[in-house]
Amino acid sequence: MAFTPEQVSLIIKRLEEKTKDVCPNCANTKMLLLPGIALTGLYQPPILSFSSPQNLIPSVVVMCATCGFLEFFNTHVLGISRELGIAEAGQPVSPPSSKKDG
Protein backbone atom coordinates (compact mmCIF):
# COMPACT_ATOMS: atom_id res chain seq x y z
CA MET A 1 0.00 0.00 0.00
CA ALA A 2 1.45 3.31 -1.04
CA PHE A 3 0.35 6.46 0.72
CA THR A 4 -1.50 9.21 -1.13
CA PRO A 5 0.23 12.62 -1.29
CA GLU A 6 -2.28 13.91 1.28
CA GLN A 7 -1.50 11.02 3.64
CA VAL A 8 2.26 11.60 3.26
CA SER A 9 1.79 15.29 4.12
CA LEU A 10 -0.27 14.41 7.20
CA ILE A 11 2.21 11.75 8.39
CA ILE A 12 5.16 14.12 7.98
CA LYS A 13 3.29 16.92 9.76
CA ARG A 14 2.48 14.67 12.74
CA LEU A 15 6.02 13.28 12.89
CA GLU A 16 7.47 16.82 12.87
CA GLU A 17 5.13 17.76 15.74
CA LYS A 18 6.06 14.76 17.89
CA THR A 19 9.64 13.73 17.05
CA LYS A 20 13.17 14.99 16.55
CA ASP A 21 14.41 15.09 12.97
CA VAL A 22 17.60 13.14 13.61
CA CYS A 23 18.57 9.47 13.60
CA PRO A 24 19.11 8.22 17.17
CA ASN A 25 21.78 5.83 15.90
CA CYS A 26 24.07 7.95 13.69
CA ALA A 27 22.71 11.53 14.06
CA ASN A 28 21.99 11.80 10.32
CA THR A 29 19.16 14.18 9.43
CA LYS A 30 18.06 12.47 6.18
CA MET A 31 15.11 10.25 7.12
CA LEU A 32 12.83 8.41 4.69
CA LEU A 33 9.17 7.51 5.17
CA LEU A 34 8.61 3.93 3.98
CA PRO A 35 5.49 3.47 1.80
CA GLY A 36 3.22 1.27 3.90
CA ILE A 37 1.91 0.24 7.29
CA ALA A 38 3.83 -2.16 9.53
CA LEU A 39 1.67 -4.41 11.70
CA THR A 40 3.44 -5.71 14.78
CA GLY A 41 1.71 -8.61 16.50
CA LEU A 42 1.45 -9.00 20.27
CA TYR A 43 1.20 -12.60 21.35
CA GLN A 44 -0.16 -14.00 24.61
CA PRO A 45 1.73 -16.64 26.60
CA PRO A 46 2.76 -19.31 25.92
CA ILE A 47 5.16 -17.44 23.66
CA LEU A 48 5.86 -20.59 21.63
CA SER A 49 2.32 -20.48 20.21
CA PHE A 50 2.53 -18.23 17.14
CA SER A 51 -0.75 -19.15 15.46
CA SER A 52 -2.09 -15.58 15.41
CA PRO A 53 -1.42 -12.38 17.30
CA GLN A 54 -3.91 -11.24 19.93
CA ASN A 55 -3.39 -7.57 19.04
CA LEU A 56 -1.87 -5.76 16.09
CA ILE A 57 -0.06 -2.44 16.41
CA PRO A 58 -0.25 -0.40 13.19
CA SER A 59 2.79 1.80 12.63
CA VAL A 60 4.36 4.03 10.01
CA VAL A 61 8.05 3.33 9.50
CA VAL A 62 10.84 5.87 9.08
CA MET A 63 14.29 4.76 7.91
CA CYS A 64 17.62 6.56 8.21
CA ALA A 65 19.11 7.07 4.74
CA THR A 66 22.65 6.64 6.10
CA CYS A 67 22.61 3.65 8.46
CA GLY A 68 19.20 2.09 7.78
CA PHE A 69 18.00 2.44 11.37
CA LEU A 70 14.22 1.88 11.49
CA GLU A 71 11.78 3.74 13.71
CA PHE A 72 8.17 2.60 14.13
CA PHE A 73 5.51 5.15 15.07
CA ASN A 74 2.09 4.01 16.27
CA THR A 75 -0.62 5.45 14.01
CA HIS A 76 -3.06 5.78 16.92
CA VAL A 77 -0.62 7.86 18.98
CA LEU A 78 0.11 10.03 15.93
CA GLY A 79 -3.65 10.49 15.48
CA ILE A 80 -3.64 9.44 11.81
CA SER A 81 -5.32 6.02 11.86
CA ARG A 82 -8.64 7.16 10.43
CA GLU A 83 -6.96 9.05 7.57
CA LEU A 84 -4.95 5.91 6.72
CA GLY A 85 -8.02 3.66 6.76
CA ILE A 86 -6.97 1.81 9.92
CA ALA A 87 -9.49 0.61 12.48
CA GLU A 88 -9.68 2.57 15.72
CA ALA A 89 -7.62 1.31 18.66
CA GLY A 90 -9.26 -1.70 20.26
CA GLN A 91 -11.16 -2.63 17.09
CA PRO A 92 -10.23 -5.55 14.82
CA VAL A 93 -7.92 -4.59 11.97
CA SER A 94 -9.87 -6.95 9.71
CA PRO A 95 -13.27 -8.57 10.23
CA PRO A 96 -13.20 -11.90 12.06
CA SER A 97 -13.56 -14.89 9.76
CA SER A 98 -16.98 -16.48 9.85
CA LYS A 99 -17.11 -20.19 10.58
CA LYS A 100 -19.91 -22.21 9.06
CA ASP A 101 -21.54 -24.85 11.24
CA GLY A 102 -21.80 -28.37 10.05
PDB file of N, CA and C in Angstrom:
ATOM      1  N   MET A   1       0.844  -1.179   0.000  1.00  0.00           N
ATOM      2  CA  MET A   1       0.000   0.000   0.000  1.00  0.00           C
ATOM      3  C   MET A   1       0.888   1.241   0.000  1.00  0.00           C
ATOM      4  N   ALA A   2       0.742   2.035  -0.996  1.00  0.00           N
ATOM      5  CA  ALA A   2       1.454   3.311  -1.036  1.00  0.00           C
ATOM      6  C   ALA A   2       0.537   4.387  -0.466  1.00  0.00           C
ATOM      7  N   PHE A   3       1.128   5.356   0.174  1.00  0.00           N
ATOM      8  CA  PHE A   3       0.347   6.459   0.723  1.00  0.00           C
ATOM      9  C   PHE A   3      -0.001   7.454  -0.375  1.00  0.00           C
ATOM     10  N   THR A   4      -1.150   8.121  -0.226  1.00  0.00           N
ATOM     11  CA  THR A   4      -1.500   9.210  -1.128  1.00  0.00           C
ATOM     12  C   THR A   4      -0.649  10.426  -0.755  1.00  0.00           C
ATOM     13  N   PRO A   5      -0.525  11.403  -1.646  1.00  0.00           N
ATOM     14  CA  PRO A   5       0.226  12.619  -1.293  1.00  0.00           C
ATOM     15  C   PRO A   5      -0.340  13.314  -0.047  1.00  0.00           C
ATOM     16  N   GLU A   6      -1.665  13.289   0.111  1.00  0.00           N
ATOM     17  CA  GLU A   6      -2.284  13.907   1.282  1.00  0.00           C
ATOM     18  C   GLU A   6      -1.903  13.155   2.561  1.00  0.00           C
ATOM     19  N   GLN A   7      -1.885  11.817   2.485  1.00  0.00           N
ATOM     20  CA  GLN A   7      -1.500  11.020   3.645  1.00  0.00           C
ATOM     21  C   GLN A   7      -0.034  11.260   4.014  1.00  0.00           C
ATOM     22  N   VAL A   8       0.834  11.333   3.007  1.00  0.00           N
ATOM     23  CA  VAL A   8       2.257  11.605   3.262  1.00  0.00           C
ATOM     24  C   VAL A   8       2.414  12.943   3.967  1.00  0.00           C
ATOM     25  N   SER A   9       1.710  13.964   3.493  1.00  0.00           N
ATOM     26  CA  SER A   9       1.792  15.292   4.121  1.00  0.00           C
ATOM     27  C   SER A   9       1.339  15.241   5.575  1.00  0.00           C
ATOM     28  N   LEU A  10       0.237  14.518   5.836  1.00  0.00           N
ATOM     29  CA  LEU A  10      -0.266  14.413   7.201  1.00  0.00           C
ATOM     30  C   LEU A  10       0.714  13.652   8.089  1.00  0.00           C
ATOM     31  N   ILE A  11       1.256  12.543   7.606  1.00  0.00           N
ATOM     32  CA  ILE A  11       2.210  11.754   8.388  1.00  0.00           C
ATOM     33  C   ILE A  11       3.431  12.600   8.733  1.00  0.00           C
ATOM     34  N   ILE A  12       3.979  13.291   7.747  1.00  0.00           N
ATOM     35  CA  ILE A  12       5.164  14.124   7.980  1.00  0.00           C
ATOM     36  C   ILE A  12       4.848  15.237   8.977  1.00  0.00           C
ATOM     37  N   LYS A  13       3.685  15.853   8.835  1.00  0.00           N
ATOM     38  CA  LYS A  13       3.289  16.922   9.759  1.00  0.00           C
ATOM     39  C   LYS A  13       3.235  16.396  11.197  1.00  0.00           C
ATOM     40  N   ARG A  14       2.596  15.234  11.395  1.00  0.00           N
ATOM     41  CA  ARG A  14       2.479  14.675  12.745  1.00  0.00           C
ATOM     42  C   ARG A  14       3.833  14.243  13.295  1.00  0.00           C
ATOM     43  N   LEU A  15       4.685  13.671  12.436  1.00  0.00           N
ATOM     44  CA  LEU A  15       6.024  13.278  12.892  1.00  0.00           C
ATOM     45  C   LEU A  15       6.839  14.508  13.294  1.00  0.00           C
ATOM     46  N   GLU A  16       6.738  15.588  12.532  1.00  0.00           N
ATOM     47  CA  GLU A  16       7.466  16.816  12.865  1.00  0.00           C
ATOM     48  C   GLU A  16       6.983  17.401  14.191  1.00  0.00           C
ATOM     49  N   GLU A  17       5.685  17.254  14.486  1.00  0.00           N
ATOM     50  CA  GLU A  17       5.134  17.760  15.740  1.00  0.00           C
ATOM     51  C   GLU A  17       5.600  16.949  16.948  1.00  0.00           C
ATOM     52  N   LYS A  18       5.838  15.654  16.751  1.00  0.00           N
ATOM     53  CA  LYS A  18       6.061  14.764  17.890  1.00  0.00           C
ATOM     54  C   LYS A  18       7.473  14.198  18.011  1.00  0.00           C
ATOM     55  N   THR A  19       8.323  14.380  17.002  1.00  0.00           N
ATOM     56  CA  THR A  19       9.641  13.733  17.046  1.00  0.00           C
ATOM     57  C   THR A  19      10.757  14.709  16.730  1.00  0.00           C
ATOM     58  N   LYS A  20      11.980  14.243  16.951  1.00  0.00           N
ATOM     59  CA  LYS A  20      13.167  14.989  16.546  1.00  0.00           C
ATOM     60  C   LYS A  20      13.531  14.522  15.149  1.00  0.00           C
ATOM     61  N   ASP A  21      14.108  15.384  14.367  1.00  0.00           N
ATOM     62  CA  ASP A  21      14.411  15.093  12.966  1.00  0.00           C
ATOM     63  C   ASP A  21      15.832  14.577  12.796  1.00  0.00           C
ATOM     64  N   VAL A  22      16.237  13.639  13.665  1.00  0.00           N
ATOM     65  CA  VAL A  22      17.602  13.144  13.611  1.00  0.00           C
ATOM     66  C   VAL A  22      17.605  11.659  13.974  1.00  0.00           C
ATOM     67  N   CYS A  23      18.449  10.901  13.315  1.00  0.00           N
ATOM     68  CA  CYS A  23      18.568   9.473  13.604  1.00  0.00           C
ATOM     69  C   CYS A  23      19.178   9.274  14.987  1.00  0.00           C
ATOM     70  N   PRO A  24      18.547   8.470  15.844  1.00  0.00           N
ATOM     71  CA  PRO A  24      19.114   8.224  17.172  1.00  0.00           C
ATOM     72  C   PRO A  24      20.353   7.335  17.147  1.00  0.00           C
ATOM     73  N   ASN A  25      20.629   6.728  16.006  1.00  0.00           N
ATOM     74  CA  ASN A  25      21.777   5.832  15.899  1.00  0.00           C
ATOM     75  C   ASN A  25      23.026   6.552  15.393  1.00  0.00           C
ATOM     76  N   CYS A  26      22.883   7.345  14.298  1.00  0.00           N
ATOM     77  CA  CYS A  26      24.067   7.949  13.686  1.00  0.00           C
ATOM     78  C   CYS A  26      24.004   9.477  13.592  1.00  0.00           C
ATOM     79  N   ALA A  27      22.916  10.078  14.048  1.00  0.00           N
ATOM     80  CA  ALA A  27      22.713  11.530  14.056  1.00  0.00           C
ATOM     81  C   ALA A  27      22.526  12.136  12.664  1.00  0.00           C
ATOM     82  N   ASN A  28      22.307  11.302  11.663  1.00  0.00           N
ATOM     83  CA  ASN A  28      21.992  11.797  10.324  1.00  0.00           C
ATOM     84  C   ASN A  28      20.631  12.498  10.347  1.00  0.00           C
ATOM     85  N   THR A  29      20.443  13.477   9.485  1.00  0.00           N
ATOM     86  CA  THR A  29      19.161  14.177   9.433  1.00  0.00           C
ATOM     87  C   THR A  29      18.337  13.813   8.203  1.00  0.00           C
ATOM     88  N   LYS A  30      18.812  12.905   7.373  1.00  0.00           N
ATOM     89  CA  LYS A  30      18.063  12.467   6.181  1.00  0.00           C
ATOM     90  C   LYS A  30      17.285  11.199   6.525  1.00  0.00           C
ATOM     91  N   MET A  31      15.978  11.362   6.762  1.00  0.00           N
ATOM     92  CA  MET A  31      15.113  10.252   7.123  1.00  0.00           C
ATOM     93  C   MET A  31      14.091  10.032   6.009  1.00  0.00           C
ATOM     94  N   LEU A  32      13.753   8.764   5.759  1.00  0.00           N
ATOM     95  CA  LEU A  32      12.830   8.412   4.686  1.00  0.00           C
ATOM     96  C   LEU A  32      11.590   7.733   5.252  1.00  0.00           C
ATOM     97  N   LEU A  33      10.406   8.152   4.795  1.00  0.00           N
ATOM     98  CA  LEU A  33       9.166   7.508   5.173  1.00  0.00           C
ATOM     99  C   LEU A  33       8.961   6.318   4.240  1.00  0.00           C
ATOM    100  N   LEU A  34       8.836   5.110   4.800  1.00  0.00           N
ATOM    101  CA  LEU A  34       8.614   3.926   3.978  1.00  0.00           C
ATOM    102  C   LEU A  34       7.136   3.856   3.582  1.00  0.00           C
ATOM    103  N   PRO A  35       6.843   3.377   2.364  1.00  0.00           N
ATOM    104  CA  PRO A  35       5.495   3.473   1.799  1.00  0.00           C
ATOM    105  C   PRO A  35       4.541   2.356   2.204  1.00  0.00           C
ATOM    106  N   GLY A  36       4.181   2.271   3.468  1.00  0.00           N
ATOM    107  CA  GLY A  36       3.218   1.271   3.901  1.00  0.00           C
ATOM    108  C   GLY A  36       3.089   1.228   5.408  1.00  0.00           C
ATOM    109  N   ILE A  37       2.177   0.407   5.869  1.00  0.00           N
ATOM    110  CA  ILE A  37       1.911   0.244   7.291  1.00  0.00           C
ATOM    111  C   ILE A  37       2.583  -1.038   7.767  1.00  0.00           C
ATOM    112  N   ALA A  38       3.267  -0.969   8.893  1.00  0.00           N
ATOM    113  CA  ALA A  38       3.834  -2.157   9.530  1.00  0.00           C
ATOM    114  C   ALA A  38       2.865  -2.585  10.626  1.00  0.00           C
ATOM    115  N   LEU A  39       2.529  -3.873  10.651  1.00  0.00           N
ATOM    116  CA  LEU A  39       1.667  -4.411  11.697  1.00  0.00           C
ATOM    117  C   LEU A  39       2.496  -5.329  12.579  1.00  0.00           C
ATOM    118  N   THR A  40       2.688  -4.917  13.818  1.00  0.00           N
ATOM    119  CA  THR A  40       3.438  -5.715  14.777  1.00  0.00           C
ATOM    120  C   THR A  40       2.442  -6.481  15.629  1.00  0.00           C
ATOM    121  N   GLY A  41       2.622  -7.790  15.728  1.00  0.00           N
ATOM    122  CA  GLY A  41       1.707  -8.610  16.501  1.00  0.00           C
ATOM    123  C   GLY A  41       2.151  -8.777  17.939  1.00  0.00           C
ATOM    124  N   LEU A  42       1.197  -8.711  18.863  1.00  0.00           N
ATOM    125  CA  LEU A  42       1.450  -8.997  20.267  1.00  0.00           C
ATOM    126  C   LEU A  42       0.837 -10.358  20.570  1.00  0.00           C
ATOM    127  N   TYR A  43       1.643 -11.250  21.088  1.00  0.00           N
ATOM    128  CA  TYR A  43       1.202 -12.604  21.354  1.00  0.00           C
ATOM    129  C   TYR A  43       1.021 -12.814  22.853  1.00  0.00           C
ATOM    130  N   GLN A  44       0.084 -13.662  23.211  1.00  0.00           N
ATOM    131  CA  GLN A  44      -0.163 -14.000  24.608  1.00  0.00           C
ATOM    132  C   GLN A  44       0.608 -15.274  24.951  1.00  0.00           C
ATOM    133  N   PRO A  45       1.039 -15.414  26.212  1.00  0.00           N
ATOM    134  CA  PRO A  45       1.733 -16.643  26.605  1.00  0.00           C
ATOM    135  C   PRO A  45       0.831 -17.851  26.356  1.00  0.00           C
ATOM    136  N   PRO A  46       1.338 -19.005  26.005  1.00  0.00           N
ATOM    137  CA  PRO A  46       2.763 -19.308  25.920  1.00  0.00           C
ATOM    138  C   PRO A  46       3.364 -18.718  24.660  1.00  0.00           C
ATOM    139  N   ILE A  47       4.559 -18.153  24.784  1.00  0.00           N
ATOM    140  CA  ILE A  47       5.165 -17.441  23.659  1.00  0.00           C
ATOM    141  C   ILE A  47       5.536 -18.357  22.504  1.00  0.00           C
ATOM    142  N   LEU A  48       5.531 -19.665  22.716  1.00  0.00           N
ATOM    143  CA  LEU A  48       5.864 -20.587  21.634  1.00  0.00           C
ATOM    144  C   LEU A  48       4.681 -20.839  20.710  1.00  0.00           C
ATOM    145  N   SER A  49       3.505 -20.313  21.043  1.00  0.00           N
ATOM    146  CA  SER A  49       2.323 -20.479  20.211  1.00  0.00           C
ATOM    147  C   SER A  49       2.160 -19.251  19.326  1.00  0.00           C
ATOM    148  N   PHE A  50       2.551 -19.370  18.058  1.00  0.00           N
ATOM    149  CA  PHE A  50       2.533 -18.228  17.145  1.00  0.00           C
ATOM    150  C   PHE A  50       1.421 -18.320  16.111  1.00  0.00           C
ATOM    151  N   SER A  51       0.299 -18.957  16.457  1.00  0.00           N
ATOM    152  CA  SER A  51      -0.751 -19.147  15.459  1.00  0.00           C
ATOM    153  C   SER A  51      -1.310 -17.822  14.946  1.00  0.00           C
ATOM    154  N   SER A  52      -1.631 -16.905  15.836  1.00  0.00           N
ATOM    155  CA  SER A  52      -2.091 -15.581  15.407  1.00  0.00           C
ATOM    156  C   SER A  52      -1.916 -14.607  16.558  1.00  0.00           C
ATOM    157  N   PRO A  53      -1.605 -13.365  16.239  1.00  0.00           N
ATOM    158  CA  PRO A  53      -1.422 -12.376  17.305  1.00  0.00           C
ATOM    159  C   PRO A  53      -2.758 -12.013  17.944  1.00  0.00           C
ATOM    160  N   GLN A  54      -2.718 -11.674  19.215  1.00  0.00           N
ATOM    161  CA  GLN A  54      -3.914 -11.237  19.929  1.00  0.00           C
ATOM    162  C   GLN A  54      -4.239  -9.779  19.591  1.00  0.00           C
ATOM    163  N   ASN A  55      -3.219  -8.982  19.367  1.00  0.00           N
ATOM    164  CA  ASN A  55      -3.386  -7.567  19.043  1.00  0.00           C
ATOM    165  C   ASN A  55      -2.374  -7.189  17.970  1.00  0.00           C
ATOM    166  N   LEU A  56      -2.779  -6.282  17.100  1.00  0.00           N
ATOM    167  CA  LEU A  56      -1.870  -5.758  16.088  1.00  0.00           C
ATOM    168  C   LEU A  56      -1.653  -4.278  16.340  1.00  0.00           C
ATOM    169  N   ILE A  57      -0.409  -3.841  16.228  1.00  0.00           N
ATOM    170  CA  ILE A  57      -0.063  -2.437  16.414  1.00  0.00           C
ATOM    171  C   ILE A  57       0.297  -1.866  15.048  1.00  0.00           C
ATOM    172  N   PRO A  58      -0.556  -0.997  14.482  1.00  0.00           N
ATOM    173  CA  PRO A  58      -0.247  -0.402  13.187  1.00  0.00           C
ATOM    174  C   PRO A  58       0.732   0.764  13.355  1.00  0.00           C
ATOM    175  N   SER A  59       1.759   0.761  12.528  1.00  0.00           N
ATOM    176  CA  SER A  59       2.788   1.799  12.627  1.00  0.00           C
ATOM    177  C   SER A  59       3.223   2.273  11.250  1.00  0.00           C
ATOM    178  N   VAL A  60       3.637   3.547  11.186  1.00  0.00           N
ATOM    179  CA  VAL A  60       4.360   4.033  10.015  1.00  0.00           C
ATOM    180  C   VAL A  60       5.836   3.866  10.336  1.00  0.00           C
ATOM    181  N   VAL A  61       6.639   3.633   9.299  1.00  0.00           N
ATOM    182  CA  VAL A  61       8.053   3.331   9.501  1.00  0.00           C
ATOM    183  C   VAL A  61       8.907   4.398   8.823  1.00  0.00           C
ATOM    184  N   VAL A  62       9.883   4.892   9.580  1.00  0.00           N
ATOM    185  CA  VAL A  62      10.842   5.869   9.083  1.00  0.00           C
ATOM    186  C   VAL A  62      12.218   5.210   9.111  1.00  0.00           C
ATOM    187  N   MET A  63      12.970   5.378   8.013  1.00  0.00           N
ATOM    188  CA  MET A  63      14.293   4.763   7.913  1.00  0.00           C
ATOM    189  C   MET A  63      15.357   5.831   7.704  1.00  0.00           C
ATOM    190  N   CYS A  64      16.477   5.679   8.396  1.00  0.00           N
ATOM    191  CA  CYS A  64      17.617   6.563   8.213  1.00  0.00           C
ATOM    192  C   CYS A  64      18.258   6.244   6.869  1.00  0.00           C
ATOM    193  N   ALA A  65      18.508   7.265   6.060  1.00  0.00           N
ATOM    194  CA  ALA A  65      19.107   7.074   4.740  1.00  0.00           C
ATOM    195  C   ALA A  65      20.587   6.725   4.809  1.00  0.00           C
ATOM    196  N   THR A  66      21.221   6.936   5.957  1.00  0.00           N
ATOM    197  CA  THR A  66      22.649   6.640   6.096  1.00  0.00           C
ATOM    198  C   THR A  66      22.898   5.241   6.653  1.00  0.00           C
ATOM    199  N   CYS A  67      22.302   4.927   7.798  1.00  0.00           N
ATOM    200  CA  CYS A  67      22.613   3.650   8.456  1.00  0.00           C
ATOM    201  C   CYS A  67      21.494   2.616   8.363  1.00  0.00           C
ATOM    202  N   GLY A  68      20.313   3.019   7.907  1.00  0.00           N
ATOM    203  CA  GLY A  68      19.202   2.086   7.781  1.00  0.00           C
ATOM    204  C   GLY A  68      18.428   1.834   9.058  1.00  0.00           C
ATOM    205  N   PHE A  69      18.729   2.588  10.111  1.00  0.00           N
ATOM    206  CA  PHE A  69      18.001   2.436  11.373  1.00  0.00           C
ATOM    207  C   PHE A  69      16.513   2.659  11.114  1.00  0.00           C
ATOM    208  N   LEU A  70      15.664   1.774  11.671  1.00  0.00           N
ATOM    209  CA  LEU A  70      14.220   1.876  11.486  1.00  0.00           C
ATOM    210  C   LEU A  70      13.547   2.356  12.763  1.00  0.00           C
ATOM    211  N   GLU A  71      12.594   3.271  12.597  1.00  0.00           N
ATOM    212  CA  GLU A  71      11.780   3.738  13.707  1.00  0.00           C
ATOM    213  C   GLU A  71      10.318   3.480  13.363  1.00  0.00           C
ATOM    214  N   PHE A  72       9.574   2.917  14.313  1.00  0.00           N
ATOM    215  CA  PHE A  72       8.168   2.598  14.129  1.00  0.00           C
ATOM    216  C   PHE A  72       7.340   3.548  14.982  1.00  0.00           C
ATOM    217  N   PHE A  73       6.347   4.196  14.367  1.00  0.00           N
ATOM    218  CA  PHE A  73       5.510   5.154  15.074  1.00  0.00           C
ATOM    219  C   PHE A  73       4.056   4.705  15.005  1.00  0.00           C
ATOM    220  N   ASN A  74       3.458   4.486  16.160  1.00  0.00           N
ATOM    221  CA  ASN A  74       2.090   4.008  16.266  1.00  0.00           C
ATOM    222  C   ASN A  74       1.135   5.016  15.637  1.00  0.00           C
ATOM    223  N   THR A  75       0.295   4.546  14.706  1.00  0.00           N
ATOM    224  CA  THR A  75      -0.624   5.447  14.007  1.00  0.00           C
ATOM    225  C   THR A  75      -1.687   6.023  14.934  1.00  0.00           C
ATOM    226  N   HIS A  76      -2.056   5.273  15.982  1.00  0.00           N
ATOM    227  CA  HIS A  76      -3.061   5.781  16.925  1.00  0.00           C
ATOM    228  C   HIS A  76      -2.498   6.934  17.745  1.00  0.00           C
ATOM    229  N   VAL A  77      -1.256   6.800  18.195  1.00  0.00           N
ATOM    230  CA  VAL A  77      -0.624   7.861  18.980  1.00  0.00           C
ATOM    231  C   VAL A  77      -0.401   9.103  18.113  1.00  0.00           C
ATOM    232  N   LEU A  78      -0.059   8.892  16.842  1.00  0.00           N
ATOM    233  CA  LEU A  78       0.111  10.025  15.931  1.00  0.00           C
ATOM    234  C   LEU A  78      -1.228  10.658  15.549  1.00  0.00           C
ATOM    235  N   GLY A  79      -2.324   9.958  15.801  1.00  0.00           N
ATOM    236  CA  GLY A  79      -3.653  10.492  15.481  1.00  0.00           C
ATOM    237  C   GLY A  79      -3.968  10.473  14.002  1.00  0.00           C
ATOM    238  N   ILE A  80      -3.453   9.481  13.269  1.00  0.00           N
ATOM    239  CA  ILE A  80      -3.635   9.439  11.815  1.00  0.00           C
ATOM    240  C   ILE A  80      -4.300   8.150  11.333  1.00  0.00           C
ATOM    241  N   SER A  81      -4.762   7.315  12.248  1.00  0.00           N
ATOM    242  CA  SER A  81      -5.322   6.017  11.858  1.00  0.00           C
ATOM    243  C   SER A  81      -6.506   6.163  10.915  1.00  0.00           C
ATOM    244  N   ARG A  82      -7.442   7.000  11.254  1.00  0.00           N
ATOM    245  CA  ARG A  82      -8.645   7.162  10.425  1.00  0.00           C
ATOM    246  C   ARG A  82      -8.272   7.599   9.010  1.00  0.00           C
ATOM    247  N   GLU A  83      -7.358   8.549   8.887  1.00  0.00           N
ATOM    248  CA  GLU A  83      -6.960   9.050   7.566  1.00  0.00           C
ATOM    249  C   GLU A  83      -6.224   7.986   6.741  1.00  0.00           C
ATOM    250  N   LEU A  84      -5.647   6.986   7.422  1.00  0.00           N
ATOM    251  CA  LEU A  84      -4.949   5.910   6.722  1.00  0.00           C
ATOM    252  C   LEU A  84      -5.836   4.697   6.507  1.00  0.00           C
ATOM    253  N   GLY A  85      -7.095   4.770   6.939  1.00  0.00           N
ATOM    254  CA  GLY A  85      -8.020   3.657   6.761  1.00  0.00           C
ATOM    255  C   GLY A  85      -7.800   2.517   7.734  1.00  0.00           C
ATOM    256  N   ILE A  86      -7.259   2.820   8.901  1.00  0.00           N
ATOM    257  CA  ILE A  86      -6.966   1.812   9.916  1.00  0.00           C
ATOM    258  C   ILE A  86      -8.045   1.866  10.988  1.00  0.00           C
ATOM    259  N   ALA A  87      -8.485   0.688  11.441  1.00  0.00           N
ATOM    260  CA  ALA A  87      -9.494   0.612  12.484  1.00  0.00           C
ATOM    261  C   ALA A  87      -9.032   1.348  13.728  1.00  0.00           C
ATOM    262  N   GLU A  88     -10.000   1.885  14.467  1.00  0.00           N
ATOM    263  CA  GLU A  88      -9.678   2.574  15.720  1.00  0.00           C
ATOM    264  C   GLU A  88      -9.033   1.609  16.705  1.00  0.00           C
ATOM    265  N   ALA A  89      -8.275   2.137  17.644  1.00  0.00           N
ATOM    266  CA  ALA A  89      -7.620   1.311  18.656  1.00  0.00           C
ATOM    267  C   ALA A  89      -8.661   0.476  19.391  1.00  0.00           C
ATOM    268  N   GLY A  90      -8.348  -0.801  19.578  1.00  0.00           N
ATOM    269  CA  GLY A  90      -9.256  -1.704  20.263  1.00  0.00           C
ATOM    270  C   GLY A  90     -10.233  -2.397  19.341  1.00  0.00           C
ATOM    271  N   GLN A  91     -10.266  -2.002  18.067  1.00  0.00           N
ATOM    272  CA  GLN A  91     -11.156  -2.626  17.087  1.00  0.00           C
ATOM    273  C   GLN A  91     -10.345  -3.586  16.222  1.00  0.00           C
ATOM    274  N   PRO A  92     -10.971  -4.634  15.692  1.00  0.00           N
ATOM    275  CA  PRO A  92     -10.232  -5.553  14.818  1.00  0.00           C
ATOM    276  C   PRO A  92      -9.710  -4.836  13.586  1.00  0.00           C
ATOM    277  N   VAL A  93      -8.494  -5.180  13.173  1.00  0.00           N
ATOM    278  CA  VAL A  93      -7.919  -4.592  11.967  1.00  0.00           C
ATOM    279  C   VAL A  93      -8.659  -5.120  10.744  1.00  0.00           C
ATOM    280  N   SER A  94      -9.064  -6.378  10.784  1.00  0.00           N
ATOM    281  CA  SER A  94      -9.871  -6.955   9.713  1.00  0.00           C
ATOM    282  C   SER A  94     -11.017  -7.720  10.354  1.00  0.00           C
ATOM    283  N   PRO A  95     -12.134  -7.883   9.628  1.00  0.00           N
ATOM    284  CA  PRO A  95     -13.272  -8.567  10.231  1.00  0.00           C
ATOM    285  C   PRO A  95     -12.920 -10.004  10.588  1.00  0.00           C
ATOM    286  N   PRO A  96     -13.482 -10.518  11.703  1.00  0.00           N
ATOM    287  CA  PRO A  96     -13.204 -11.904  12.063  1.00  0.00           C
ATOM    288  C   PRO A  96     -13.762 -12.832  11.003  1.00  0.00           C
ATOM    289  N   SER A  97     -13.080 -13.943  10.756  1.00  0.00           N
ATOM    290  CA  SER A  97     -13.557 -14.891   9.758  1.00  0.00           C
ATOM    291  C   SER A  97     -14.793 -15.600  10.296  1.00  0.00           C
ATOM    292  N   SER A  98     -15.751 -15.808   9.425  1.00  0.00           N
ATOM    293  CA  SER A  98     -16.976 -16.485   9.847  1.00  0.00           C
ATOM    294  C   SER A  98     -16.810 -17.980   9.641  1.00  0.00           C
ATOM    295  N   LYS A  99     -17.183 -18.734  10.666  1.00  0.00           N
ATOM    296  CA  LYS A  99     -17.106 -20.189  10.578  1.00  0.00           C
ATOM    297  C   LYS A  99     -18.502 -20.719  10.337  1.00  0.00           C
ATOM    298  N   LYS A 100     -18.616 -21.606   9.360  1.00  0.00           N
ATOM    299  CA  LYS A 100     -19.906 -22.208   9.057  1.00  0.00           C
ATOM    300  C   LYS A 100     -20.078 -23.482   9.877  1.00  0.00           C
ATOM    301  N   ASP A 101     -21.254 -23.634  10.463  1.00  0.00           N
ATOM    302  CA  ASP A 101     -21.543 -24.846  11.243  1.00  0.00           C
ATOM    303  C   ASP A 101     -21.822 -26.006  10.313  1.00  0.00           C
ATOM    304  N   GLY A 102     -21.399 -27.179  10.736  1.00  0.00           N
ATOM    305  CA  GLY A 102     -21.795 -28.370  10.052  1.00  0.00           C
ATOM    306  C   GLY A 102     -20.815 -28.912   9.174  1.00  0.00           C
TER     307      GLY A 102
END
